[in-house]
Amino acid sequence: MDSPTPASARISIIGAGPGGLTCARILQQHGIPVTVYDRDPEANSRNQGGSLDLHEEDGQLALREAGLLEEFFALARLEGQEMRQMDPSGRVLDHHLPGEGETVRPEIDRGQLRDLLLRSLVAGTVQRGRTLESVSGPADGPRTLTFTDGTAVEADLVIGADGAFSRVRTAVSPATPRYTGVSFLEAWFDDMEHAHPELSQLVGKGSAHIADGERGLFAQRNSGGHMRVYIMQRVPVDWIAANGLRPEDTEGIRGHLLSEYAAWSPQILRMITDNDGAYVDRPLFALPVPHIWEHSASVALLGDAAHLMPPLGVGVNLAMLDASELALALVRSSTIDDAVHSYEKSMLPRSAGMAQMLEGGAEHLLSVPDPDEIERFGQAQS
C-alpha cells in the first residue's frame, strides 16, 4: 500500500495524557484531522497525579509549538521550583530558591496541564471509554484498532501515547517493562497551611528529598494547598502482601513503615504518619535500554510507550517533545511513512541516550547524595 499524505490519513492517537493531547493539538493547528481514544469514561474519572515541572528545552518548547505557553504560565507555580535536600535528621543539605521571575522549571499539576490541553482541542476529538484491546493489520497499513467494547476502527497511522503498559507498543516491539526493584508509596496531604503547618514549613513551597541509602522520601507541593509524599523503598514488587498486609490496611502499612524508618527524626516521620487517607502503591518499572524496534509505516510511539524510564523529571517533558516533533514531522512530510521515519531519526537516539544516562536511576533516589549528586538531582527532579 502506498503511504497516504498526512492531510488525507486517518490518524488515531491512543491515550489522552499530556503527550497524546499535545500531538493532537499541534496537528489540529495545522489542519490535520486526528482522533484521540482514551480508556477513562470521563475526564475526571480518576486522579491525574501530582505536580510536573516543565523544562524550557522540551516541555515548554512543545507548549510554544502548541500555542499554549502563555496559558501555561498563567497556571504554573514559579515558587514550586524551590528544592530542599535534607538528611533523615531534618538537617538541610542543599536549598535551591528560584530567582525572581525564574522560568527554567515551573511546576503545574498534571490535571491542570491535561485540562489546558483538552480545552484547546476541537470538540469531540477525544473519544472516552475506549480501551484498546489490540492493533492488527499489515506494517504498511491500514491498521485495525479493536476495543474492549467490541468496536473497531481503521487507521493509517496509530500513535501510541498509552503509557508504560502500552497496547500499541506490542504491534512493533516485544519489549515489556521490568520492575526496577524500587517502589513508591504515595501519601496525600490536604490543607497544608492549616492542617499540616509544620510540614508546610519543613518542605517549603516546592519539593524536598531525603534518603539514607536504603529508603527515601520525596515531598512535593501541589496547587490548592495539597502535598504528595512518595515513600521510596528498595523492596519486592509484592512487598505489601509479603508482609501480610493489604493495600487498604492503612494503619498496618503505617506501622510497618515506622519500623522501617525508625532511625529517622520524628519531624520527618510526620510525612509517613500524618497523611490524609490511604496510601497508593506505585512500583517503578522501566523498559530495556536501549529500546528500539523495526520501523513501521503505520505505527509511532511516544513518551512512556517508547521509552519508559525512572521518574527523574524527564518523563512528561520527553513525551511532550516527542509529541511536538512527531506532529511537526507529519505537517512537513509528504507521506505518513516519511513523517514517521523523520521523527524516529531524532527521537530514538535522544531517548536511548537519556535512558542510558538514567538507567538504574531509581536507585539514585535512595542514595545519600554527594554535592555533585545534589546538583544533578536539583536539575532533574520533577
Protein backbone atom coordinates (compact mmCIF):
# COMPACT_ATOMS: atom_id res chain seq x y z
CA MET A 1 0.00 0.00 0.00
CA ASP A 2 1.26 3.49 -0.83
CA SER A 3 1.66 5.62 2.26
CA PRO A 4 -1.06 8.32 2.38
CA THR A 5 -0.46 12.02 2.83
CA PRO A 6 -0.88 13.22 6.43
CA ALA A 7 -3.75 15.55 5.45
CA SER A 8 -5.75 12.65 3.98
CA ALA A 9 -4.74 9.99 6.50
CA ARG A 10 -6.86 8.53 9.28
CA ILE A 11 -4.73 9.30 12.35
CA SER A 12 -5.61 7.73 15.70
CA ILE A 13 -3.88 8.60 18.96
CA ILE A 14 -4.25 6.13 21.83
CA GLY A 15 -4.05 7.87 25.21
CA ALA A 16 -5.23 11.31 26.33
CA GLY A 17 -2.28 12.19 28.54
CA PRO A 18 -0.02 15.22 28.01
CA GLY A 19 1.85 13.55 25.11
CA GLY A 20 -1.19 12.41 23.15
CA LEU A 21 -3.06 15.68 23.66
CA THR A 22 -0.04 17.80 22.70
CA CYS A 23 0.32 15.86 19.47
CA ALA A 24 -3.39 16.25 18.69
CA ARG A 25 -3.33 19.98 19.42
CA ILE A 26 -0.41 20.71 17.09
CA LEU A 27 -1.89 18.56 14.30
CA GLN A 28 -5.20 20.40 14.54
CA GLN A 29 -3.45 23.76 14.47
CA HIS A 30 -2.11 22.77 11.07
CA GLY A 31 -5.42 21.47 9.75
CA ILE A 32 -4.65 17.75 10.07
CA PRO A 33 -7.62 15.74 11.42
CA VAL A 34 -6.99 13.39 14.34
CA THR A 35 -8.99 11.31 16.82
CA VAL A 36 -7.84 10.52 20.37
CA TYR A 37 -9.10 7.36 22.11
CA ASP A 38 -8.88 7.11 25.88
CA ARG A 39 -9.94 4.37 28.28
CA ASP A 40 -11.27 6.69 31.01
CA PRO A 41 -15.06 7.12 30.80
CA GLU A 42 -14.81 10.75 31.96
CA ALA A 43 -12.02 13.32 32.02
CA ASN A 44 -12.00 13.30 35.84
CA SER A 45 -12.88 9.66 36.47
CA ARG A 46 -9.51 9.05 38.17
CA ASN A 47 -6.87 11.09 39.94
CA GLN A 48 -4.49 12.65 37.44
CA GLY A 49 -1.39 12.50 39.63
CA GLY A 50 0.92 15.05 41.18
CA SER A 51 2.91 18.04 40.09
CA LEU A 52 5.10 18.29 36.98
CA ASP A 53 7.98 20.60 36.19
CA LEU A 54 8.08 21.63 32.53
CA HIS A 55 11.56 22.41 31.23
CA GLU A 56 12.41 25.26 28.90
CA GLU A 57 14.19 22.96 26.46
CA ASP A 58 11.40 20.40 25.93
CA GLY A 59 8.05 20.63 27.73
CA GLN A 60 7.80 24.41 27.35
CA LEU A 61 9.08 24.17 23.80
CA ALA A 62 6.22 21.81 22.95
CA LEU A 63 3.67 24.15 24.53
CA ARG A 64 5.07 27.02 22.47
CA GLU A 65 4.51 24.98 19.31
CA ALA A 66 1.00 24.25 20.56
CA GLY A 67 0.32 27.97 21.08
CA LEU A 68 -0.36 27.40 24.78
CA LEU A 69 2.73 28.72 26.55
CA GLU A 70 1.09 31.93 27.77
CA GLU A 71 -1.86 29.99 29.20
CA PHE A 72 0.57 27.59 30.85
CA PHE A 73 2.36 30.41 32.67
CA ALA A 74 -0.99 31.73 33.91
CA LEU A 75 -1.39 28.41 35.76
CA ALA A 76 2.22 27.49 36.57
CA ARG A 77 3.75 27.89 40.03
CA LEU A 78 7.14 29.55 39.75
CA GLU A 79 7.62 29.17 43.51
CA GLY A 80 7.34 25.41 43.02
CA GLN A 81 10.92 25.40 41.70
CA GLU A 82 12.15 25.62 45.30
CA MET A 83 14.01 22.41 46.22
CA ARG A 84 15.35 21.22 49.57
CA GLN A 85 17.72 18.30 50.10
CA MET A 86 17.74 17.01 53.69
CA ASP A 87 19.13 14.14 55.70
CA PRO A 88 16.97 11.86 57.91
CA SER A 89 17.54 14.11 60.92
CA GLY A 90 15.93 17.02 59.09
CA ARG A 91 19.19 18.89 58.50
CA VAL A 92 19.11 20.84 55.23
CA LEU A 93 21.99 19.82 52.95
CA ASP A 94 21.09 21.99 49.99
CA HIS A 95 18.40 24.56 49.29
CA HIS A 96 17.53 26.00 45.89
CA LEU A 97 15.35 29.10 45.92
CA PRO A 98 14.23 30.25 42.46
CA GLY A 99 15.27 33.73 41.44
CA GLU A 100 12.81 36.49 40.69
CA GLY A 101 10.90 35.54 37.54
CA GLU A 102 12.84 32.26 37.08
CA THR A 103 11.06 30.09 34.50
CA VAL A 104 13.52 27.24 33.96
CA ARG A 105 11.30 24.51 35.51
CA PRO A 106 8.00 25.88 36.82
CA GLU A 107 5.52 23.43 38.31
CA ILE A 108 1.95 22.65 37.27
CA ASP A 109 -0.46 19.98 38.48
CA ARG A 110 -0.79 17.16 35.96
CA GLY A 111 -4.57 17.59 35.97
CA GLN A 112 -4.27 21.31 35.20
CA LEU A 113 -1.93 20.60 32.29
CA ARG A 114 -4.25 17.89 30.96
CA ASP A 115 -7.25 20.25 31.18
CA LEU A 116 -5.35 23.05 29.43
CA LEU A 117 -4.62 20.76 26.52
CA LEU A 118 -8.15 19.32 26.44
CA ARG A 119 -9.70 22.78 26.23
CA SER A 120 -7.55 23.58 23.21
CA LEU A 121 -8.90 20.72 21.08
CA VAL A 122 -11.82 20.68 18.68
CA ALA A 123 -14.94 19.40 20.44
CA GLY A 124 -15.32 15.63 20.03
CA THR A 125 -11.62 14.99 19.38
CA VAL A 126 -11.31 12.72 22.43
CA GLN A 127 -13.49 9.61 22.47
CA ARG A 128 -13.78 8.30 26.01
CA GLY A 129 -14.43 4.87 27.45
CA ARG A 130 -12.48 3.29 24.59
CA THR A 131 -9.97 0.77 25.95
CA LEU A 132 -7.70 -0.59 23.22
CA GLU A 133 -7.51 -4.37 23.07
CA SER A 134 -5.30 -4.93 20.02
CA VAL A 135 -3.70 -3.48 16.91
CA SER A 136 -3.73 -5.68 13.82
CA GLY A 137 -3.10 -5.35 10.11
CA PRO A 138 -0.01 -5.04 7.86
CA ALA A 139 3.00 -2.94 8.80
CA ASP A 140 2.39 -0.54 5.89
CA GLY A 141 -1.26 -0.13 6.96
CA PRO A 142 -4.04 0.32 7.32
CA ARG A 143 -4.22 -0.91 10.91
CA THR A 144 -7.33 -2.16 12.67
CA LEU A 145 -7.88 -0.97 16.23
CA THR A 146 -10.09 -3.30 18.25
CA PHE A 147 -11.52 -2.04 21.55
CA THR A 148 -12.74 -4.00 24.53
CA ASP A 149 -16.32 -2.84 23.89
CA GLY A 150 -16.29 -4.85 20.65
CA THR A 151 -15.96 -1.88 18.30
CA ALA A 152 -13.18 -1.49 15.74
CA VAL A 153 -11.82 1.33 13.56
CA GLU A 154 -9.24 1.52 10.79
CA ALA A 155 -6.28 3.91 10.91
CA ASP A 156 -3.49 4.78 8.51
CA LEU A 157 -1.34 5.86 11.47
CA VAL A 158 -1.66 4.70 15.07
CA ILE A 159 0.18 6.85 17.60
CA GLY A 160 0.87 5.04 20.87
CA ALA A 161 0.69 7.56 23.70
CA ASP A 162 -0.75 4.98 26.05
CA GLY A 163 1.95 4.86 28.69
CA ALA A 164 4.04 2.25 30.44
CA PHE A 165 2.00 -0.82 29.53
CA SER A 166 1.15 0.35 26.02
CA ARG A 167 -1.07 -1.84 23.87
CA VAL A 168 0.15 -0.05 20.76
CA ARG A 169 3.77 -0.93 21.56
CA THR A 170 3.00 -4.63 21.11
CA ALA A 171 2.37 -4.02 17.39
CA VAL A 172 6.05 -3.14 16.82
CA SER A 173 8.02 -4.36 19.84
CA PRO A 174 8.04 -7.42 22.15
CA ALA A 175 9.62 -5.39 24.96
CA THR A 176 7.81 -5.24 28.30
CA PRO A 177 8.57 -3.04 31.32
CA ARG A 178 10.63 -4.59 34.10
CA TYR A 179 10.39 -3.83 37.80
CA THR A 180 13.33 -1.67 38.89
CA GLY A 181 13.47 -3.02 42.44
CA VAL A 182 12.32 0.32 43.86
CA SER A 183 8.73 1.08 44.80
CA PHE A 184 6.93 4.31 45.66
CA LEU A 185 4.10 4.52 48.16
CA GLU A 186 2.12 7.70 47.62
CA ALA A 187 0.64 9.64 50.56
CA TRP A 188 -1.66 12.66 50.22
CA PHE A 189 -1.90 15.72 52.46
CA ASP A 190 -4.66 18.35 52.29
CA ASP A 191 -4.99 21.94 53.57
CA MET A 192 -1.27 22.19 54.28
CA GLU A 193 -1.23 25.66 55.84
CA HIS A 194 -3.91 24.87 58.43
CA ALA A 195 -3.90 21.10 58.94
CA HIS A 196 -0.15 20.48 58.47
CA PRO A 197 1.66 23.78 59.18
CA GLU A 198 4.85 22.12 60.48
CA LEU A 199 5.22 20.00 57.34
CA SER A 200 4.42 23.03 55.20
CA GLN A 201 7.31 24.90 56.80
CA LEU A 202 9.61 21.87 56.55
CA VAL A 203 9.04 21.29 52.82
CA GLY A 204 8.64 24.91 51.70
CA LYS A 205 6.78 25.89 48.54
CA GLY A 206 8.34 23.31 46.23
CA SER A 207 9.86 19.88 46.91
CA ALA A 208 12.03 18.13 49.47
CA HIS A 209 14.10 14.95 49.14
CA ILE A 210 15.52 12.81 51.94
CA ALA A 211 17.41 9.49 51.65
CA ASP A 212 19.63 7.26 53.76
CA GLY A 213 20.93 4.78 51.16
CA GLU A 214 18.17 2.19 51.61
CA ARG A 215 14.99 4.25 51.67
CA GLY A 216 13.84 7.76 51.00
CA LEU A 217 11.03 10.33 50.94
CA PHE A 218 10.16 12.82 48.23
CA ALA A 219 7.65 15.51 49.21
CA GLN A 220 6.08 17.65 46.52
CA ARG A 221 3.74 20.61 46.94
CA ASN A 222 0.72 20.74 44.61
CA SER A 223 -1.72 23.56 43.97
CA GLY A 224 -4.71 24.28 46.20
CA GLY A 225 -2.84 23.67 49.46
CA HIS A 226 -2.18 19.98 48.73
CA MET A 227 1.02 17.94 49.02
CA ARG A 228 2.05 14.46 47.94
CA VAL A 229 4.79 12.44 49.58
CA TYR A 230 6.39 9.48 47.82
CA ILE A 231 7.74 6.93 50.30
CA MET A 232 10.57 5.22 48.40
CA GLN A 233 11.92 1.77 49.26
CA ARG A 234 14.04 -0.99 47.77
CA VAL A 235 11.53 -3.84 48.15
CA PRO A 236 10.00 -6.76 46.22
CA VAL A 237 7.19 -5.69 43.93
CA ASP A 238 4.68 -7.56 46.15
CA TRP A 239 6.09 -6.20 49.41
CA ILE A 240 2.71 -5.30 50.89
CA ALA A 241 1.29 -8.82 50.59
CA ALA A 242 4.67 -10.35 51.52
CA ASN A 243 4.40 -8.56 54.87
CA GLY A 244 0.91 -9.92 55.48
CA LEU A 245 -0.76 -6.60 54.68
CA ARG A 246 -3.45 -5.40 52.28
CA PRO A 247 -3.35 -2.14 50.27
CA GLU A 248 -6.38 -0.81 52.16
CA ASP A 249 -4.82 -1.57 55.58
CA THR A 250 -3.56 1.97 56.15
CA GLU A 251 -2.74 1.52 59.83
CA GLY A 252 -0.94 -1.76 59.23
CA ILE A 253 1.17 -0.29 56.43
CA ARG A 254 1.90 2.79 58.54
CA GLY A 255 3.12 0.63 61.40
CA HIS A 256 5.39 -1.33 59.06
CA LEU A 257 6.82 1.88 57.61
CA LEU A 258 7.50 3.35 61.05
CA SER A 259 9.53 0.25 61.83
CA GLU A 260 11.50 0.56 58.59
CA TYR A 261 12.13 4.29 59.12
CA ALA A 262 12.67 4.05 62.90
CA ALA A 263 16.03 5.84 62.82
CA TRP A 264 14.60 8.95 61.15
CA SER A 265 13.64 12.05 63.11
CA PRO A 266 10.06 12.42 64.45
CA GLN A 267 9.71 15.61 62.42
CA ILE A 268 10.46 13.80 59.15
CA LEU A 269 8.32 10.80 60.12
CA ARG A 270 5.23 13.02 60.07
CA MET A 271 5.40 12.58 56.29
CA ILE A 272 4.52 8.93 56.98
CA THR A 273 2.13 9.29 59.91
CA ASP A 274 0.07 12.41 59.16
CA ASN A 275 -1.27 11.70 55.66
CA ASP A 276 -4.94 12.16 54.87
CA GLY A 277 -6.38 8.89 53.61
CA ALA A 278 -4.95 5.65 52.29
CA TYR A 279 -1.58 5.00 50.67
CA VAL A 280 -1.25 4.23 46.96
CA ASP A 281 1.28 1.59 45.86
CA ARG A 282 3.31 2.68 42.80
CA PRO A 283 6.13 0.25 41.92
CA LEU A 284 8.60 1.65 39.39
CA PHE A 285 9.05 -0.04 36.01
CA ALA A 286 11.38 0.72 33.11
CA LEU A 287 11.82 -0.54 29.55
CA PRO A 288 15.05 -2.28 28.46
CA VAL A 289 17.87 0.08 27.46
CA PRO A 290 18.04 0.88 24.65
CA HIS A 291 14.51 0.21 23.45
CA ILE A 292 14.41 0.12 19.66
CA TRP A 293 12.10 -1.54 17.16
CA GLU A 294 11.75 -2.18 13.45
CA HIS A 295 10.23 0.79 11.64
CA SER A 296 6.58 0.58 10.70
CA ALA A 297 4.91 3.00 8.30
CA SER A 298 1.67 2.85 10.30
CA VAL A 299 2.72 2.95 13.99
CA ALA A 300 4.59 5.58 16.01
CA LEU A 301 5.32 5.56 19.74
CA LEU A 302 5.89 8.50 22.05
CA GLY A 303 6.53 9.08 25.75
CA ASP A 304 6.49 6.10 28.12
CA ALA A 305 5.19 3.84 25.36
CA ALA A 306 8.53 4.39 23.61
CA HIS A 307 10.98 4.92 26.46
CA LEU A 308 9.72 4.28 30.00
CA MET A 309 12.40 5.46 32.46
CA PRO A 310 12.77 6.08 36.22
CA PRO A 311 10.90 9.20 37.45
CA LEU A 312 13.71 11.73 37.48
CA GLY A 313 11.85 14.67 35.97
CA VAL A 314 12.20 13.84 32.27
CA GLY A 315 9.13 11.67 31.51
CA VAL A 316 6.44 14.21 30.69
CA ASN A 317 8.95 16.58 29.14
CA LEU A 318 10.23 13.94 26.72
CA ALA A 319 6.66 12.85 25.95
CA MET A 320 5.65 16.38 25.01
CA LEU A 321 8.80 16.93 22.97
CA ASP A 322 8.17 13.62 21.17
CA ALA A 323 4.59 14.72 20.50
CA SER A 324 5.66 18.07 19.11
CA GLU A 325 8.33 16.57 16.85
CA LEU A 326 6.01 13.85 15.55
CA ALA A 327 3.22 16.33 14.82
CA LEU A 328 5.59 18.70 13.03
CA ALA A 329 7.09 15.81 11.03
CA LEU A 330 3.56 14.98 9.86
CA VAL A 331 2.97 18.63 8.94
CA ARG A 332 6.19 18.85 6.93
CA SER A 333 6.27 15.43 5.21
CA SER A 334 4.61 14.32 2.01
CA THR A 335 3.62 10.87 3.38
CA ILE A 336 2.92 9.22 6.72
CA ASP A 337 5.85 6.86 6.19
CA ASP A 338 8.26 9.77 5.58
CA ALA A 339 7.00 11.52 8.70
CA VAL A 340 7.48 8.51 10.97
CA HIS A 341 10.97 7.96 9.54
CA SER A 342 11.87 11.60 10.18
CA TYR A 343 10.50 11.52 13.71
CA GLU A 344 12.24 8.28 14.69
CA LYS A 345 15.53 9.55 13.31
CA SER A 346 15.69 12.14 16.09
CA MET A 347 13.55 10.54 18.83
CA LEU A 348 15.23 7.14 19.05
CA PRO A 349 18.82 8.37 19.59
CA ARG A 350 17.64 11.03 22.03
CA SER A 351 15.58 8.63 24.13
CA ALA A 352 18.29 5.94 24.04
CA GLY A 353 20.88 8.43 25.29
CA MET A 354 18.63 9.65 28.07
CA ALA A 355 17.64 6.11 29.06
CA GLN A 356 21.30 5.07 29.26
CA MET A 357 22.06 8.09 31.44
CA LEU A 358 19.16 7.33 33.78
CA GLU A 359 19.48 3.53 33.81
CA GLY A 360 19.46 2.48 37.44
CA GLY A 361 18.25 5.96 38.34
CA ALA A 362 15.62 4.55 40.68
CA GLU A 363 18.50 3.56 42.97
CA HIS A 364 19.77 7.14 42.84
CA LEU A 365 16.59 8.26 44.58
CA LEU A 366 17.61 6.24 47.64
CA SER A 367 21.31 7.15 47.72
CA VAL A 368 22.89 9.60 50.11
CA PRO A 369 23.94 12.35 47.71
CA ASP A 370 27.35 13.93 47.46
CA PRO A 371 27.48 17.58 46.30
CA ASP A 372 27.59 16.62 42.60
CA GLU A 373 24.57 14.35 43.01
CA ILE A 374 22.66 17.11 44.81
CA GLU A 375 23.22 19.38 41.83
CA ARG A 376 22.13 16.66 39.38
CA PHE A 377 19.00 15.88 41.38
CA GLY A 378 18.10 19.53 41.55
CA GLN A 379 18.34 19.78 37.77
CA ALA A 380 16.37 16.61 37.04
CA GLN A 381 13.69 16.47 39.74
CA SER A 382 10.06 16.92 38.94
